[in-house]
Amino acid sequence: MNAQCAKRETTVIAAIRTQTLHVGNGVEPQGLDPHTTTGASDWGVQSALFEGLMGSDPLTGQAVPGGASRWAVSPDLLRYTFYLRPEARWSDGTPVVADDYVRTARRALSPVLAAEIANDFFWLAGARTYFEGKERDFSTVGIRALDSNTLEYRLAEPLPFFLELLRGRMGVALPMDVVTRHGGAEKRGGTWTRPGQLVGNGAFILKEWVQNKNIIVEKSPTYWDRERVRLQRVVFHPIENANTEEAMFRAGQLHGTATLPPARIETWRREQADALWLEPEQRVRFLVANPKRPPLDDARIRRALALADRSAAAHARTGSESTRRAEFRTHQWRRFCGQGAISRRSGGGAGPSR
């Protein structure tokens, strides 16, 4: 066959030889500091670099052990004790210990840093009071290291989804000595998140970040579960337009996408369901009604709406897939993940409002 007529090998197929995963990551990340960023595109990269106490099964989405190998819960559901993996290491080779999580929580609750994720920690006893400056003794906050590999949380009240919360930014420890050395302990914009300086405990290490082009992470040689990590690198592509991302997926340029056009969900479900990935999201959506504008200025209408099926109304307004994350994943993606390519990739969390 004439070489010019031969079908050109796609990026997805070529990447198999180098064990590389190409994924769409939405918008350009604001940063790689888990405490000062809240976007999904930020967390997409951060979750490859940092492992939380809990993780998510890449195929089922269920909470699974991450940085902690096991845990115990008190009868009153207010005290959680986590037993860290003694073999866990930071990417600079130093052990990951319980005090790393305590120091990280202290930074997250620092009134000076005013971290966006501080409210995630408000579920802990005394955390809100400390953050608001009403209490200056951090030992009153419900987190402490019982020994180098045992971490205890005390909650302000029982929380059914506490383990799920620890899959996200709240469950991540930061290398506070490194953060402090590079000027980021209580200041935004420290240089500790740059390639060559970022130290993490995740399955990958930061290799390259070219703004508005890609972020490349490579397999970490110090990750405790590295033998199960099949991938050698992951390339995150910032693609803001969902239609563009879908086109790149169809062209074989991406193994997976960050999202997809909602109007296309039913088409893919009908025509190529094996490439469509839907998973539940933990979120609250609400509609705000203005009682000063017709027809809601009529008390009878408002009473009728109060008696209606509000869940159905919300779905009609926001879409039937509003509580699910939708994305594309190739067969290669699922094969890699099923064999531990991206081990226990975590999702984000939410806390009580301030």
Protein backbone atom coordinates (compact mmCIF):
# COMPACT_ATOMS: atom_id res chain seq x y z
CA MET A 1 0.00 0.00 0.00
CA ASN A 2 1.19 3.52 -0.80
CA ALA A 3 2.49 5.16 2.38
CA GLN A 4 0.48 8.27 1.58
CA CYS A 5 -2.70 6.21 1.50
CA ALA A 6 -2.00 4.41 4.77
CA LYS A 7 -4.14 5.46 7.68
CA ARG A 8 -2.17 7.77 9.93
CA GLU A 9 -1.65 6.52 13.46
CA THR A 10 -3.61 8.54 16.00
CA THR A 11 -2.14 10.09 19.13
CA VAL A 12 -4.15 7.68 21.25
CA ILE A 13 -2.76 4.59 19.53
CA ALA A 14 0.82 5.90 19.39
CA ALA A 15 0.72 6.67 23.12
CA ILE A 16 0.24 2.99 23.96
CA ARG A 17 3.90 2.32 23.14
CA THR A 18 5.10 4.92 25.64
CA GLN A 19 2.40 4.23 28.25
CA THR A 20 1.20 7.83 27.97
CA LEU A 21 -2.34 9.03 28.69
CA HIS A 22 -3.67 12.16 26.94
CA VAL A 23 -6.62 13.75 28.70
CA GLY A 24 -8.65 16.92 28.27
CA ASN A 25 -8.61 18.94 31.46
CA GLY A 26 -11.04 21.80 30.86
CA VAL A 27 -9.73 25.30 31.41
CA GLU A 28 -6.12 26.17 32.16
CA PRO A 29 -5.51 25.42 35.87
CA GLN A 30 -5.28 28.45 38.15
CA GLY A 31 -2.55 26.74 40.14
CA LEU A 32 -1.39 23.54 41.79
CA ASP A 33 -1.77 24.59 45.43
CA PRO A 34 -4.74 22.54 46.75
CA HIS A 35 -5.50 25.18 49.39
CA THR A 36 -5.87 28.18 47.11
CA THR A 37 -7.66 26.63 44.15
CA THR A 38 -11.12 25.13 43.82
CA GLY A 39 -11.53 24.33 40.12
CA ALA A 40 -12.02 20.88 38.65
CA SER A 41 -9.18 21.51 36.19
CA ASP A 42 -6.86 22.32 39.09
CA TRP A 43 -7.82 19.19 40.96
CA GLY A 44 -7.47 17.05 37.85
CA VAL A 45 -3.71 17.64 37.98
CA GLN A 46 -3.37 17.94 41.76
CA SER A 47 -4.92 14.50 42.32
CA ALA A 48 -2.14 12.97 40.24
CA LEU A 49 0.52 14.71 42.36
CA PHE A 50 -1.03 14.33 45.83
CA GLU A 51 -2.76 11.32 47.36
CA GLY A 52 -5.44 11.90 49.99
CA LEU A 53 -6.19 9.74 52.99
CA MET A 54 -9.01 8.24 50.94
CA GLY A 55 -9.15 7.64 47.23
CA SER A 56 -11.72 6.69 44.60
CA ASP A 57 -11.89 3.42 42.76
CA PRO A 58 -11.25 4.49 39.13
CA LEU A 59 -14.00 2.21 37.82
CA THR A 60 -16.73 2.39 40.48
CA GLY A 61 -16.07 5.76 42.12
CA GLN A 62 -16.39 4.21 45.58
CA ALA A 63 -14.19 5.46 48.43
CA VAL A 64 -11.17 3.20 48.95
CA PRO A 65 -8.03 3.36 51.12
CA GLY A 66 -5.50 5.90 49.89
CA GLY A 67 -2.77 7.35 52.07
CA ALA A 68 -4.42 5.53 54.97
CA SER A 69 -4.52 1.74 54.83
CA ARG A 70 -7.37 1.46 57.35
CA TRP A 71 -9.44 3.49 59.79
CA ALA A 72 -11.73 3.17 62.80
CA VAL A 73 -14.81 5.17 63.78
CA SER A 74 -16.03 5.78 67.33
CA PRO A 75 -19.57 4.65 68.32
CA ASP A 76 -20.79 8.26 68.45
CA LEU A 77 -19.47 8.83 64.87
CA LEU A 78 -17.47 11.86 66.00
CA ARG A 79 -13.96 10.43 66.11
CA TYR A 80 -12.13 8.95 63.11
CA THR A 81 -8.73 7.31 63.52
CA PHE A 82 -6.63 6.73 60.39
CA TYR A 83 -3.64 4.44 60.18
CA LEU A 84 -1.17 5.72 57.59
CA ARG A 85 0.89 3.51 55.33
CA PRO A 86 4.40 3.30 56.85
CA GLU A 87 5.84 2.78 53.37
CA ALA A 88 4.39 6.05 52.01
CA ARG A 89 7.00 8.57 50.86
CA TRP A 90 7.13 12.08 49.51
CA SER A 91 8.72 12.38 46.09
CA ASP A 92 11.93 13.60 47.75
CA GLY A 93 12.13 10.29 49.64
CA THR A 94 11.10 11.48 53.12
CA PRO A 95 8.35 9.56 54.96
CA VAL A 96 4.76 10.81 54.97
CA VAL A 97 3.74 11.09 58.65
CA ALA A 98 0.63 12.04 60.59
CA ASP A 99 2.03 15.42 61.58
CA ASP A 100 2.14 16.35 57.87
CA TYR A 101 -1.66 16.25 57.86
CA VAL A 102 -1.88 18.28 61.07
CA ARG A 103 0.45 20.99 59.77
CA THR A 104 -1.43 21.03 56.47
CA ALA A 105 -4.76 21.53 58.25
CA ARG A 106 -3.26 24.39 60.25
CA ARG A 107 -2.20 26.10 57.01
CA ALA A 108 -5.63 25.56 55.45
CA LEU A 109 -7.28 27.19 58.46
CA SER A 110 -4.83 30.09 58.70
CA PRO A 111 -6.75 33.41 58.71
CA VAL A 112 -3.72 34.95 57.01
CA LEU A 113 -3.79 32.57 54.04
CA ALA A 114 -7.61 32.70 53.89
CA ALA A 115 -7.67 29.49 51.86
CA GLU A 116 -10.65 28.88 49.58
CA ILE A 117 -11.02 25.36 50.98
CA ALA A 118 -10.98 26.40 54.65
CA ASN A 119 -14.71 25.72 54.90
CA ASP A 120 -14.08 22.04 54.09
CA PHE A 121 -12.37 21.82 57.48
CA PHE A 122 -15.27 23.46 59.34
CA TRP A 123 -16.68 20.00 59.94
CA LEU A 124 -13.89 19.53 62.48
CA ALA A 125 -14.50 20.51 66.08
CA GLY A 126 -13.18 24.01 66.77
CA ALA A 127 -12.09 24.66 63.16
CA ARG A 128 -14.46 27.51 62.37
CA THR A 129 -13.65 29.27 65.65
CA TYR A 130 -9.93 29.04 64.92
CA PHE A 131 -10.34 30.28 61.35
CA GLU A 132 -12.38 33.26 62.48
CA GLY A 133 -9.68 34.24 64.96
CA LYS A 134 -11.82 33.67 68.04
CA GLU A 135 -9.41 30.97 69.22
CA ARG A 136 -5.65 31.12 68.63
CA ASP A 137 -4.70 27.74 70.06
CA PHE A 138 -4.68 25.27 67.16
CA SER A 139 -4.71 22.32 69.56
CA THR A 140 -8.43 23.05 70.07
CA VAL A 141 -9.10 22.02 66.45
CA GLY A 142 -10.23 18.42 65.96
CA ILE A 143 -7.12 16.96 64.37
CA ARG A 144 -4.03 15.50 66.02
CA ALA A 145 -1.22 13.02 65.42
CA LEU A 146 -1.37 10.17 67.93
CA ASP A 147 1.99 8.90 66.64
CA SER A 148 3.92 9.11 63.38
CA ASN A 149 1.49 6.82 61.54
CA THR A 150 -1.80 7.44 63.37
CA LEU A 151 -4.03 10.44 62.73
CA GLU A 152 -7.21 11.37 64.58
CA TYR A 153 -10.07 13.64 63.53
CA ARG A 154 -12.78 14.91 65.88
CA LEU A 155 -15.94 16.17 64.20
CA ALA A 156 -18.27 18.90 65.42
CA GLU A 157 -21.20 16.65 64.49
CA PRO A 158 -21.69 13.29 62.75
CA LEU A 159 -21.05 13.53 59.02
CA PRO A 160 -22.23 10.62 56.80
CA PHE A 161 -19.93 11.60 53.90
CA PHE A 162 -16.77 12.36 55.87
CA LEU A 163 -14.78 9.58 54.19
CA GLU A 164 -15.87 10.87 50.77
CA LEU A 165 -14.74 14.36 51.79
CA LEU A 166 -11.26 13.00 52.45
CA ARG A 167 -10.97 11.91 48.83
CA GLY A 168 -10.55 15.56 47.92
CA ARG A 169 -8.45 18.51 48.99
CA MET A 170 -9.28 18.14 52.68
CA GLY A 171 -7.68 14.69 52.74
CA VAL A 172 -4.42 15.81 51.14
CA ALA A 173 -1.21 16.48 53.08
CA LEU A 174 1.32 19.03 51.85
CA PRO A 175 5.11 18.89 52.37
CA MET A 176 5.07 21.86 54.75
CA ASP A 177 8.86 22.12 55.07
CA VAL A 178 9.08 22.52 51.28
CA VAL A 179 6.11 24.89 51.17
CA THR A 180 7.67 27.06 53.88
CA ARG A 181 11.11 27.03 52.27
CA HIS A 182 9.65 28.39 49.05
CA GLY A 183 7.58 31.10 50.71
CA GLY A 184 4.14 29.52 50.62
CA ALA A 185 3.26 28.70 54.23
CA GLU A 186 0.91 31.64 54.71
CA LYS A 187 1.31 33.37 51.37
CA ARG A 188 -0.17 32.72 47.96
CA GLY A 189 1.98 32.35 44.91
CA GLY A 190 4.93 30.57 46.50
CA THR A 191 7.31 28.87 44.09
CA TRP A 192 6.89 25.43 45.68
CA THR A 193 4.38 24.35 42.98
CA ARG A 194 6.80 24.82 40.07
CA PRO A 195 8.34 21.91 38.12
CA GLY A 196 11.50 20.76 39.82
CA GLN A 197 10.37 22.15 43.19
CA LEU A 198 6.97 20.56 43.78
CA VAL A 199 7.13 17.62 46.18
CA GLY A 200 4.10 15.36 46.37
CA ASN A 201 3.05 11.94 47.63
CA GLY A 202 0.96 10.95 44.62
CA ALA A 203 1.51 8.46 41.83
CA PHE A 204 3.08 11.11 39.58
CA ILE A 205 5.54 14.00 39.79
CA LEU A 206 5.35 17.30 37.93
CA LYS A 207 7.64 17.30 34.90
CA GLU A 208 6.52 20.25 32.78
CA TRP A 209 3.93 23.02 32.68
CA VAL A 210 3.65 25.11 29.53
CA GLN A 211 0.89 27.67 30.02
CA ASN A 212 -2.13 27.15 27.75
CA LYS A 213 -0.47 24.14 26.09
CA ASN A 214 -0.14 21.19 28.45
CA ILE A 215 0.95 19.88 31.82
CA ILE A 216 3.03 16.71 31.88
CA VAL A 217 3.38 14.47 34.92
CA GLU A 218 5.55 11.36 35.09
CA LYS A 219 5.44 8.23 37.20
CA SER A 220 6.87 8.75 40.68
CA PRO A 221 9.67 6.36 41.68
CA THR A 222 8.84 6.84 45.38
CA TYR A 223 5.07 6.24 45.33
CA TRP A 224 4.20 3.39 47.71
CA ASP A 225 2.01 1.59 45.13
CA ARG A 226 4.22 2.30 42.10
CA GLU A 227 4.29 -1.34 40.97
CA ARG A 228 0.60 -1.08 40.08
CA VAL A 229 0.98 2.19 38.20
CA ARG A 230 1.21 1.14 34.56
CA LEU A 231 1.39 4.62 33.03
CA GLN A 232 4.72 6.35 32.56
CA ARG A 233 3.22 9.80 32.05
CA VAL A 234 -0.02 11.74 31.74
CA VAL A 235 -0.43 14.78 29.49
CA PHE A 236 -3.17 17.20 30.57
CA HIS A 237 -4.49 19.38 27.74
CA PRO A 238 -6.39 22.58 28.65
CA ILE A 239 -9.43 22.66 26.33
CA GLU A 240 -12.13 25.14 27.30
CA ASN A 241 -14.64 24.38 24.55
CA ALA A 242 -16.54 21.10 25.08
CA ASN A 243 -17.30 20.79 21.36
CA THR A 244 -13.60 21.12 20.53
CA GLU A 245 -12.76 18.52 23.15
CA GLU A 246 -15.34 16.11 21.74
CA ALA A 247 -13.91 16.60 18.24
CA MET A 248 -10.38 15.85 19.52
CA PHE A 249 -11.66 12.69 21.19
CA ARG A 250 -13.33 11.52 17.99
CA ALA A 251 -10.12 12.26 16.07
CA GLY A 252 -8.07 10.05 18.39
CA GLN A 253 -6.14 12.90 20.01
CA LEU A 254 -7.42 12.26 23.55
CA HIS A 255 -7.96 9.15 25.65
CA GLY A 256 -10.47 10.98 27.82
CA THR A 257 -12.28 14.30 28.17
CA ALA A 258 -13.12 16.53 31.12
CA THR A 259 -16.72 16.90 30.00
CA LEU A 260 -18.88 16.80 26.89
CA PRO A 261 -21.70 18.89 25.40
CA PRO A 262 -24.89 18.00 27.35
CA ALA A 263 -26.90 17.90 24.14
CA ARG A 264 -24.66 15.09 22.89
CA ILE A 265 -25.12 12.74 25.85
CA GLU A 266 -28.15 10.92 24.47
CA THR A 267 -26.54 10.55 21.04
CA TRP A 268 -23.43 8.92 22.50
CA ARG A 269 -25.51 6.81 24.87
CA ARG A 270 -27.47 5.51 21.89
CA GLU A 271 -24.66 5.13 19.33
CA GLN A 272 -21.47 4.44 21.31
CA ALA A 273 -22.33 3.86 24.93
CA ASP A 274 -19.04 2.09 25.68
CA ALA A 275 -17.17 5.40 25.22
CA LEU A 276 -19.49 7.37 27.52
CA TRP A 277 -18.68 7.63 31.21
CA LEU A 278 -21.29 8.91 33.67
CA GLU A 279 -20.64 9.07 37.40
CA PRO A 280 -22.56 10.58 40.34
CA GLU A 281 -21.42 13.90 41.77
CA GLN A 282 -21.87 15.15 45.31
CA ARG A 283 -23.35 18.56 44.87
CA VAL A 284 -26.35 20.74 45.72
CA ARG A 285 -28.15 22.76 43.06
CA PHE A 286 -30.95 25.16 43.74
CA LEU A 287 -33.22 27.62 41.97
CA VAL A 288 -33.75 31.11 43.31
CA ALA A 289 -37.26 32.51 42.89
CA ASN A 290 -38.08 36.22 42.80
CA PRO A 291 -41.48 36.72 44.55
CA LYS A 292 -41.66 40.32 43.32
CA ARG A 293 -42.06 39.35 39.65
CA PRO A 294 -45.06 37.67 38.02
CA PRO A 295 -46.26 35.03 38.33
CA LEU A 296 -44.47 34.44 41.66
CA ASP A 297 -45.90 37.66 43.10
CA ASP A 298 -49.15 35.73 43.46
CA ALA A 299 -49.23 33.94 46.84
CA ARG A 300 -51.44 31.19 45.36
CA ILE A 301 -48.77 30.34 42.79
CA ARG A 302 -46.12 30.19 45.47
CA ARG A 303 -48.27 27.89 47.61
CA ALA A 304 -48.85 25.60 44.63
CA LEU A 305 -45.13 25.42 43.90
CA ALA A 306 -44.46 24.61 47.56
CA LEU A 307 -46.68 21.54 47.18
CA ALA A 308 -45.12 20.43 43.88
CA ASP A 309 -42.34 17.91 43.26
CA ARG A 310 -39.35 20.23 43.64
CA SER A 311 -36.90 17.55 42.55
CA ALA A 312 -38.70 17.17 39.21
CA ALA A 313 -38.74 20.93 38.75
CA ALA A 314 -35.01 21.17 39.38
CA HIS A 315 -34.26 18.41 36.88
CA ALA A 316 -36.50 20.05 34.29
CA ARG A 317 -34.57 23.29 34.69
CA THR A 318 -30.98 21.98 35.01
CA GLY A 319 -31.20 18.76 32.97
CA SER A 320 -31.61 15.09 33.84
CA GLU A 321 -27.85 14.60 34.06
CA SER A 322 -27.33 17.55 36.41
CA THR A 323 -26.08 15.37 39.25
CA ARG A 324 -23.72 13.33 37.10
CA ARG A 325 -20.37 14.07 35.60
CA ALA A 326 -20.18 13.12 31.94
CA GLU A 327 -17.04 12.48 29.94
CA PHE A 328 -15.56 10.24 27.26
CA ARG A 329 -13.04 7.49 27.89
CA THR A 330 -11.41 5.19 25.35
CA HIS A 331 -10.89 1.46 25.74
CA GLN A 332 -7.21 2.22 26.40
CA TRP A 333 -8.19 4.54 29.29
CA ARG A 334 -10.30 1.85 30.93
CA ARG A 335 -7.62 -0.79 30.39
CA PHE A 336 -4.95 1.41 32.01
CA CYS A 337 -7.18 2.37 34.94
CA GLY A 338 -8.38 -1.17 35.48
CA GLN A 339 -4.76 -2.22 35.91
CA GLY A 340 -3.85 0.58 38.29
CA ALA A 341 -2.68 3.18 35.78
CA ILE A 342 -4.07 6.03 37.79
CA SER A 343 -4.28 4.55 41.24
CA ARG A 344 -7.21 5.76 43.36
CA ARG A 345 -7.66 9.04 41.56
CA SER A 346 -9.58 11.28 43.95
CA GLY A 347 -12.45 13.65 43.50
CA GLY A 348 -13.19 17.03 45.05
CA GLY A 349 -15.24 17.69 48.15
CA ALA A 350 -17.50 20.31 49.66
CA GLY A 351 -17.87 21.70 53.15
CA PRO A 352 -20.43 23.73 55.07
CA SER A 353 -20.84 27.33 54.03
CA ARG A 354 -18.98 29.99 55.97
